[in-house]
Amino acid sequence: MKILIIEDEAALAKSISDFLSQEDYLCEIAGSYSEAIVKIESFQYDCILLDLMLPGGDGIKLLKIIKDQKKQDGVIIISAKNSLEDKVAGLKLGADDYLAKPFHLSELAARVYSIIRRKNFGSDNMLEQKEIKVDLLAKKVSIQQREVPLTKKEYDLLLYLMSNKNRVLSKSALAEHLSGDIADMFDNYDFVYAHIKNLKKKLQEAGAGNYLKTLYGSGYKWDV
């Protein structure tokens, strides 16, 4: 799951990134309004952490851009500006949550988890499709009550596929989801092919149906 941290306080941004990375999120940082615009327009995120006070622009304007573009990224406003007007304005524009500084990183992580779960999987902590069950809290996958050992990337890939069931996902979309904004630096998609192959093999060996379809020239589809 990908997180964009829009925060100009470098130490705080790093602390958030380090903490959420330990929770198995892929984190990227934008330290200014202009950096944030580039990332928002170029990539998709599961959740955006948005500071309101940024060098070069206003966080509320960024939120308006996100919503005007009909992006589905979850948004949590994190700001020292704890006025009622800022909170109301952000929530009215479509922010999912508001957390005033200072805050505990564990609370922030819980709110991120809650938003991603709600947007992608509804309100349940257990995701089930056919014989595949995913415990979102424990981050464990089981098939016919037997746990399937997946790597972090394989687990993240499976969630991405399951949350986009019956949709065609391009190789570039999968590469971006797995590696973030550094995906453009790769010469090919060999690492995507490798993760797809390994995930498919583990699922089928555990007794899952062949839901992961390769659409030559288009990408992949989780067909259920």
C-alpha atoms as a PDB file:
ATOM      1  CA  MET A   1       0.000   0.000   0.000  1.00  0.00           C
ATOM      2  CA  LYS A   2       1.373   3.394  -1.025  1.00  0.00           C
ATOM      3  CA  ILE A   3       1.412   6.503   1.145  1.00  0.00           C
ATOM      4  CA  LEU A   4       2.308  10.054   0.095  1.00  0.00           C
ATOM      5  CA  ILE A   5       3.502  12.279   2.945  1.00  0.00           C
ATOM      6  CA  ILE A   6       3.138  15.962   2.050  1.00  0.00           C
ATOM      7  CA  GLU A   7       5.031  17.657   4.866  1.00  0.00           C
ATOM      8  CA  ASP A   8       7.684  20.392   4.825  1.00  0.00           C
ATOM      9  CA  GLU A   9       9.138  19.540   8.250  1.00  0.00           C
ATOM     10  CA  ALA A  10      11.833  17.114   7.129  1.00  0.00           C
ATOM     11  CA  ALA A  11      12.341  15.485  10.525  1.00  0.00           C
ATOM     12  CA  LEU A  12       8.622  14.873  11.006  1.00  0.00           C
ATOM     13  CA  ALA A  13       8.201  13.565   7.456  1.00  0.00           C
ATOM     14  CA  LYS A  14      11.065  11.119   8.021  1.00  0.00           C
ATOM     15  CA  SER A  15       9.636   9.976  11.363  1.00  0.00           C
ATOM     16  CA  ILE A  16       6.257   9.314   9.765  1.00  0.00           C
ATOM     17  CA  SER A  17       7.870   7.529   6.824  1.00  0.00           C
ATOM     18  CA  ASP A  18      10.061   5.354   9.057  1.00  0.00           C
ATOM     19  CA  PHE A  19       7.120   4.391  11.291  1.00  0.00           C
ATOM     20  CA  LEU A  20       4.726   3.588   8.446  1.00  0.00           C
ATOM     21  CA  SER A  21       7.439   1.703   6.557  1.00  0.00           C
ATOM     22  CA  GLN A  22       7.712  -0.610   9.570  1.00  0.00           C
ATOM     23  CA  GLU A  23       3.976  -1.203   9.121  1.00  0.00           C
ATOM     24  CA  ASP A  24       4.761  -2.386   5.564  1.00  0.00           C
ATOM     25  CA  TYR A  25       3.598   0.737   3.735  1.00  0.00           C
ATOM     26  CA  LEU A  26       5.545   2.100   0.767  1.00  0.00           C
ATOM     27  CA  CYS A  27       6.133   5.772   1.625  1.00  0.00           C
ATOM     28  CA  GLU A  28       7.030   8.760  -0.516  1.00  0.00           C
ATOM     29  CA  ILE A  29       7.642  12.321   0.656  1.00  0.00           C
ATOM     30  CA  ALA A  30       6.882  15.710  -0.909  1.00  0.00           C
ATOM     31  CA  GLY A  31       8.324  18.663   0.989  1.00  0.00           C
ATOM     32  CA  SER A  32       6.722  21.497  -0.944  1.00  0.00           C
ATOM     33  CA  TYR A  33       3.592  22.437  -2.867  1.00  0.00           C
ATOM     34  CA  SER A  34       5.334  22.022  -6.246  1.00  0.00           C
ATOM     35  CA  GLU A  35       6.722  18.580  -5.354  1.00  0.00           C
ATOM     36  CA  ALA A  36       3.296  17.489  -4.171  1.00  0.00           C
ATOM     37  CA  ILE A  37       1.628  18.634  -7.404  1.00  0.00           C
ATOM     38  CA  VAL A  38       4.037  16.544  -9.496  1.00  0.00           C
ATOM     39  CA  LYS A  39       3.464  13.403  -7.424  1.00  0.00           C
ATOM     40  CA  ILE A  40      -0.308  13.811  -7.202  1.00  0.00           C
ATOM     41  CA  GLU A  41      -0.633  14.289 -10.957  1.00  0.00           C
ATOM     42  CA  SER A  42       1.791  11.476 -11.819  1.00  0.00           C
ATOM     43  CA  PHE A  43       0.912   8.696  -9.376  1.00  0.00           C
ATOM     44  CA  GLN A  44      -1.899   7.113  -7.395  1.00  0.00           C
ATOM     45  CA  TYR A  45      -1.768   6.527  -3.645  1.00  0.00           C
ATOM     46  CA  ASP A  46      -3.807   4.561  -1.161  1.00  0.00           C
ATOM     47  CA  CYS A  47      -3.583   7.419   1.322  1.00  0.00           C
ATOM     48  CA  ILE A  48      -2.195  10.964   1.278  1.00  0.00           C
ATOM     49  CA  LEU A  49      -1.077  12.701   4.482  1.00  0.00           C
ATOM     50  CA  LEU A  50      -1.521  16.393   3.786  1.00  0.00           C
ATOM     51  CA  ASP A  51      -0.060  19.310   5.730  1.00  0.00           C
ATOM     52  CA  LEU A  52      -1.941  22.567   5.206  1.00  0.00           C
ATOM     53  CA  MET A  53       1.034  24.936   5.520  1.00  0.00           C
ATOM     54  CA  LEU A  54       3.485  24.289   2.677  1.00  0.00           C
ATOM     55  CA  PRO A  55       6.259  26.244   0.967  1.00  0.00           C
ATOM     56  CA  GLY A  56       4.891  27.617  -2.297  1.00  0.00           C
ATOM     57  CA  GLY A  57       1.212  26.945  -1.768  1.00  0.00           C
ATOM     58  CA  ASP A  58      -1.758  25.972   0.356  1.00  0.00           C
ATOM     59  CA  GLY A  59      -2.659  22.403   1.317  1.00  0.00           C
ATOM     60  CA  ILE A  60      -6.360  23.151   0.901  1.00  0.00           C
ATOM     61  CA  LYS A  61      -5.677  24.003  -2.758  1.00  0.00           C
ATOM     62  CA  LEU A  62      -3.945  20.633  -3.158  1.00  0.00           C
ATOM     63  CA  LEU A  63      -6.970  18.891  -1.689  1.00  0.00           C
ATOM     64  CA  LYS A  64      -9.220  20.704  -4.159  1.00  0.00           C
ATOM     65  CA  ILE A  65      -7.001  19.551  -7.036  1.00  0.00           C
ATOM     66  CA  ILE A  66      -7.185  15.936  -5.800  1.00  0.00           C
ATOM     67  CA  LYS A  67     -10.970  16.068  -5.670  1.00  0.00           C
ATOM     68  CA  ASP A  68     -11.370  17.986  -8.953  1.00  0.00           C
ATOM     69  CA  GLN A  69      -9.384  15.223 -10.690  1.00  0.00           C
ATOM     70  CA  LYS A  70     -11.757  12.615  -9.222  1.00  0.00           C
ATOM     71  CA  LYS A  71      -8.844  10.771  -7.632  1.00  0.00           C
ATOM     72  CA  GLN A  72      -9.780   8.065  -5.145  1.00  0.00           C
ATOM     73  CA  ASP A  73      -6.748   8.517  -2.874  1.00  0.00           C
ATOM     74  CA  GLY A  74      -7.679   8.686   0.802  1.00  0.00           C
ATOM     75  CA  VAL A  75      -6.652  11.981   2.433  1.00  0.00           C
ATOM     76  CA  ILE A  76      -5.778  12.729   6.057  1.00  0.00           C
ATOM     77  CA  ILE A  77      -5.037  16.365   6.852  1.00  0.00           C
ATOM     78  CA  ILE A  78      -2.196  16.668   9.368  1.00  0.00           C
ATOM     79  CA  SER A  79      -1.626  20.224  10.474  1.00  0.00           C
ATOM     80  CA  ALA A  80      -0.714  22.453  13.386  1.00  0.00           C
ATOM     81  CA  LYS A  81      -3.559  24.704  12.291  1.00  0.00           C
ATOM     82  CA  ASN A  82      -6.183  23.276  14.602  1.00  0.00           C
ATOM     83  CA  SER A  83      -8.906  25.831  13.951  1.00  0.00           C
ATOM     84  CA  LEU A  84     -12.456  24.669  13.429  1.00  0.00           C
ATOM     85  CA  GLU A  85     -12.597  26.527  10.102  1.00  0.00           C
ATOM     86  CA  ASP A  86      -9.649  24.575   8.648  1.00  0.00           C
ATOM     87  CA  LYS A  87     -11.091  21.260   9.778  1.00  0.00           C
ATOM     88  CA  VAL A  88     -14.546  22.015   8.376  1.00  0.00           C
ATOM     89  CA  ALA A  89     -13.119  23.330   5.090  1.00  0.00           C
ATOM     90  CA  GLY A  90     -10.970  20.237   4.602  1.00  0.00           C
ATOM     91  CA  LEU A  91     -13.722  17.770   5.423  1.00  0.00           C
ATOM     92  CA  LYS A  92     -16.216  19.608   3.207  1.00  0.00           C
ATOM     93  CA  LEU A  93     -13.778  19.393   0.287  1.00  0.00           C
ATOM     94  CA  GLY A  94     -13.564  15.633   0.756  1.00  0.00           C
ATOM     95  CA  ALA A  95     -10.747  14.882   3.207  1.00  0.00           C
ATOM     96  CA  ASP A  96     -11.341  11.592   5.026  1.00  0.00           C
ATOM     97  CA  ASP A  97      -9.884  12.630   8.358  1.00  0.00           C
ATOM     98  CA  TYR A  98      -8.111  15.444  10.221  1.00  0.00           C
ATOM     99  CA  LEU A  99      -5.331  14.988  12.772  1.00  0.00           C
ATOM    100  CA  ALA A 100      -3.865  17.967  14.621  1.00  0.00           C
ATOM    101  CA  LYS A 101      -0.157  18.191  15.434  1.00  0.00           C
ATOM    102  CA  PRO A 102       1.360  16.957  17.639  1.00  0.00           C
ATOM    103  CA  PHE A 103       0.049  13.414  17.355  1.00  0.00           C
ATOM    104  CA  HIS A 104       1.161   9.892  18.207  1.00  0.00           C
ATOM    105  CA  LEU A 105       2.463   7.956  15.221  1.00  0.00           C
ATOM    106  CA  SER A 106       0.545   4.882  16.344  1.00  0.00           C
ATOM    107  CA  GLU A 107      -2.723   6.859  16.130  1.00  0.00           C
ATOM    108  CA  LEU A 108      -1.809   8.113  12.668  1.00  0.00           C
ATOM    109  CA  ALA A 109      -1.067   4.539  11.536  1.00  0.00           C
ATOM    110  CA  ALA A 110      -4.435   3.383  12.883  1.00  0.00           C
ATOM    111  CA  ARG A 111      -6.246   6.108  10.955  1.00  0.00           C
ATOM    112  CA  VAL A 112      -4.338   5.295   7.760  1.00  0.00           C
ATOM    113  CA  TYR A 113      -5.267   1.631   8.128  1.00  0.00           C
ATOM    114  CA  SER A 114      -8.914   2.496   8.750  1.00  0.00           C
ATOM    115  CA  ILE A 115      -9.186   4.690   5.657  1.00  0.00           C
ATOM    116  CA  ILE A 116      -7.464   2.209   3.352  1.00  0.00           C
ATOM    117  CA  ARG A 117      -9.599  -0.645   4.671  1.00  0.00           C
ATOM    118  CA  ARG A 118     -12.815   1.322   4.232  1.00  0.00           C
ATOM    119  CA  LYS A 119     -11.986   2.555   0.734  1.00  0.00           C
ATOM    120  CA  ASN A 120     -10.705  -0.749  -0.612  1.00  0.00           C
ATOM    121  CA  PHE A 121     -12.411  -3.469   1.395  1.00  0.00           C
ATOM    122  CA  GLY A 122     -15.406  -2.004   3.252  1.00  0.00           C
ATOM    123  CA  SER A 123     -15.524  -2.092   7.047  1.00  0.00           C
ATOM    124  CA  ASP A 124     -14.445  -5.699   7.614  1.00  0.00           C
ATOM    125  CA  ASN A 125     -10.963  -6.724   8.765  1.00  0.00           C
ATOM    126  CA  MET A 126     -11.291 -10.003   6.877  1.00  0.00           C
ATOM    127  CA  LEU A 127     -11.202  -9.995   3.074  1.00  0.00           C
ATOM    128  CA  GLU A 128     -12.656 -13.075   1.414  1.00  0.00           C
ATOM    129  CA  GLN A 129     -12.837 -13.972  -2.265  1.00  0.00           C
ATOM    130  CA  LYS A 130     -13.704 -17.559  -3.124  1.00  0.00           C
ATOM    131  CA  GLU A 131     -11.436 -19.821  -1.051  1.00  0.00           C
ATOM    132  CA  ILE A 132      -8.880 -17.059  -0.362  1.00  0.00           C
ATOM    133  CA  LYS A 133      -9.045 -15.261   2.982  1.00  0.00           C
ATOM    134  CA  VAL A 134      -6.905 -12.299   4.009  1.00  0.00           C
ATOM    135  CA  ASP A 135      -6.679 -11.152   7.614  1.00  0.00           C
ATOM    136  CA  LEU A 136      -5.971  -7.449   7.101  1.00  0.00           C
ATOM    137  CA  LEU A 137      -4.937  -6.843  10.714  1.00  0.00           C
ATOM    138  CA  ALA A 138      -2.602  -9.830  10.979  1.00  0.00           C
ATOM    139  CA  LYS A 139      -1.543  -9.461   7.314  1.00  0.00           C
ATOM    140  CA  LYS A 140      -1.952 -13.187   6.778  1.00  0.00           C
ATOM    141  CA  VAL A 141      -3.344 -15.075   3.793  1.00  0.00           C
ATOM    142  CA  SER A 142      -4.991 -18.459   4.089  1.00  0.00           C
ATOM    143  CA  ILE A 143      -6.517 -20.900   1.631  1.00  0.00           C
ATOM    144  CA  GLN A 144      -8.788 -23.642   2.945  1.00  0.00           C
ATOM    145  CA  GLN A 145      -7.688 -22.686   6.473  1.00  0.00           C
ATOM    146  CA  ARG A 146      -3.998 -23.144   5.680  1.00  0.00           C
ATOM    147  CA  GLU A 147      -1.710 -20.120   5.873  1.00  0.00           C
ATOM    148  CA  VAL A 148       0.121 -19.211   2.667  1.00  0.00           C
ATOM    149  CA  PRO A 149       3.575 -17.677   3.310  1.00  0.00           C
ATOM    150  CA  LEU A 150       3.923 -14.582   1.131  1.00  0.00           C
ATOM    151  CA  THR A 151       6.650 -11.968   0.971  1.00  0.00           C
ATOM    152  CA  LYS A 152       5.733  -8.336   1.680  1.00  0.00           C
ATOM    153  CA  LYS A 153       5.640  -7.540  -2.056  1.00  0.00           C
ATOM    154  CA  GLU A 154       3.562 -10.628  -2.851  1.00  0.00           C
ATOM    155  CA  TYR A 155       1.081  -9.761  -0.094  1.00  0.00           C
ATOM    156  CA  ASP A 156       0.821  -6.158  -1.302  1.00  0.00           C
ATOM    157  CA  LEU A 157       0.373  -7.350  -4.877  1.00  0.00           C
ATOM    158  CA  LEU A 158      -2.396  -9.765  -3.869  1.00  0.00           C
ATOM    159  CA  LEU A 159      -4.293  -7.015  -2.010  1.00  0.00           C
ATOM    160  CA  TYR A 160      -3.955  -4.695  -4.991  1.00  0.00           C
ATOM    161  CA  LEU A 161      -5.282  -7.350  -7.348  1.00  0.00           C
ATOM    162  CA  MET A 162      -8.144  -8.339  -5.053  1.00  0.00           C
ATOM    163  CA  SER A 163      -9.191  -4.730  -4.486  1.00  0.00           C
ATOM    164  CA  ASN A 164      -9.251  -4.245  -8.271  1.00  0.00           C
ATOM    165  CA  LYS A 165     -10.980  -7.515  -9.121  1.00  0.00           C
ATOM    166  CA  ASN A 166     -12.221  -7.937 -12.678  1.00  0.00           C
ATOM    167  CA  ARG A 167     -10.303  -4.858 -13.827  1.00  0.00           C
ATOM    168  CA  VAL A 168      -7.385  -4.892 -16.267  1.00  0.00           C
ATOM    169  CA  LEU A 169      -4.220  -3.603 -14.592  1.00  0.00           C
ATOM    170  CA  SER A 170      -1.300  -2.570 -16.777  1.00  0.00           C
ATOM    171  CA  LYS A 171       2.277  -3.618 -16.085  1.00  0.00           C
ATOM    172  CA  SER A 172       3.168   0.034 -15.450  1.00  0.00           C
ATOM    173  CA  ALA A 173       0.373   0.363 -12.858  1.00  0.00           C
ATOM    174  CA  LEU A 174       1.635  -2.737 -11.043  1.00  0.00           C
ATOM    175  CA  ALA A 175       5.229  -1.478 -11.205  1.00  0.00           C
ATOM    176  CA  GLU A 176       4.205   1.888  -9.746  1.00  0.00           C
ATOM    177  CA  HIS A 177       2.196   0.239  -6.980  1.00  0.00           C
ATOM    178  CA  LEU A 178       5.054  -2.055  -5.994  1.00  0.00           C
ATOM    179  CA  SER A 179       7.924   0.412  -6.292  1.00  0.00           C
ATOM    180  CA  GLY A 180       6.439   3.896  -6.189  1.00  0.00           C
ATOM    181  CA  ASP A 181       7.968   6.776  -8.106  1.00  0.00           C
ATOM    182  CA  ILE A 182      11.223   4.893  -8.733  1.00  0.00           C
ATOM    183  CA  ALA A 183       9.379   2.554 -11.131  1.00  0.00           C
ATOM    184  CA  ASP A 184      10.269   4.888 -14.011  1.00  0.00           C
ATOM    185  CA  MET A 185      13.952   4.157 -13.386  1.00  0.00           C
ATOM    186  CA  PHE A 186      13.655   0.490 -14.336  1.00  0.00           C
ATOM    187  CA  ASP A 187      14.531  -0.555 -17.891  1.00  0.00           C
ATOM    188  CA  ASN A 188      11.916  -3.318 -17.949  1.00  0.00           C
ATOM    189  CA  TYR A 189       9.176  -4.998 -15.943  1.00  0.00           C
ATOM    190  CA  ASP A 190      11.117  -8.126 -15.019  1.00  0.00           C
ATOM    191  CA  PHE A 191      10.548  -7.535 -11.295  1.00  0.00           C
ATOM    192  CA  VAL A 192       6.780  -7.357 -11.913  1.00  0.00           C
ATOM    193  CA  TYR A 193       6.860 -10.610 -13.870  1.00  0.00           C
ATOM    194  CA  ALA A 194       8.824 -12.274 -11.065  1.00  0.00           C
ATOM    195  CA  HIS A 195       6.368 -11.223  -8.341  1.00  0.00           C
ATOM    196  CA  ILE A 196       3.388 -12.248 -10.496  1.00  0.00           C
ATOM    197  CA  LYS A 197       4.917 -15.649 -11.211  1.00  0.00           C
ATOM    198  CA  ASN A 198       5.808 -16.332  -7.575  1.00  0.00           C
ATOM    199  CA  LEU A 199       2.421 -15.209  -6.247  1.00  0.00           C
ATOM    200  CA  LYS A 200       0.520 -17.272  -8.798  1.00  0.00           C
ATOM    201  CA  LYS A 201       2.621 -20.366  -8.029  1.00  0.00           C
ATOM    202  CA  LYS A 202       2.138 -20.085  -4.253  1.00  0.00           C
ATOM    203  CA  LEU A 203      -1.621 -19.564  -4.518  1.00  0.00           C
ATOM    204  CA  GLN A 204      -2.174 -22.477  -6.883  1.00  0.00           C
ATOM    205  CA  GLU A 205       0.058 -24.807  -4.875  1.00  0.00           C
ATOM    206  CA  ALA A 206      -2.050 -23.953  -1.818  1.00  0.00           C
ATOM    207  CA  GLY A 207      -5.234 -24.902  -3.667  1.00  0.00           C
ATOM    208  CA  ALA A 208      -6.519 -21.582  -5.021  1.00  0.00           C
ATOM    209  CA  GLY A 209      -8.190 -21.289  -8.390  1.00  0.00           C
ATOM    210  CA  ASN A 210      -6.421 -19.698 -11.332  1.00  0.00           C
ATOM    211  CA  TYR A 211      -7.803 -16.184 -10.876  1.00  0.00           C
ATOM    212  CA  LEU A 212      -4.727 -14.241 -11.961  1.00  0.00           C
ATOM    213  CA  LYS A 213      -4.999 -13.959 -15.724  1.00  0.00           C
ATOM    214  CA  THR A 214      -2.340 -12.648 -18.091  1.00  0.00           C
ATOM    215  CA  LEU A 215      -3.769 -10.474 -20.863  1.00  0.00           C
ATOM    216  CA  TYR A 216      -1.004 -10.268 -23.449  1.00  0.00           C
ATOM    217  CA  GLY A 217      -0.453  -6.720 -24.597  1.00  0.00           C
ATOM    218  CA  SER A 218      -2.695  -5.300 -21.882  1.00  0.00           C
ATOM    219  CA  GLY A 219      -1.533  -6.463 -18.442  1.00  0.00           C
ATOM    220  CA  TYR A 220      -3.168  -8.609 -15.787  1.00  0.00           C
ATOM    221  CA  LYS A 221      -6.637  -9.232 -14.405  1.00  0.00           C
ATOM    222  CA  TRP A 222      -7.851 -10.746 -11.124  1.00  0.00           C
ATOM    223  CA  ASP A 223     -10.810 -12.614 -12.586  1.00  0.00           C
ATOM    224  CA  VAL A 224     -13.355 -13.769  -9.978  1.00  0.00           C
END
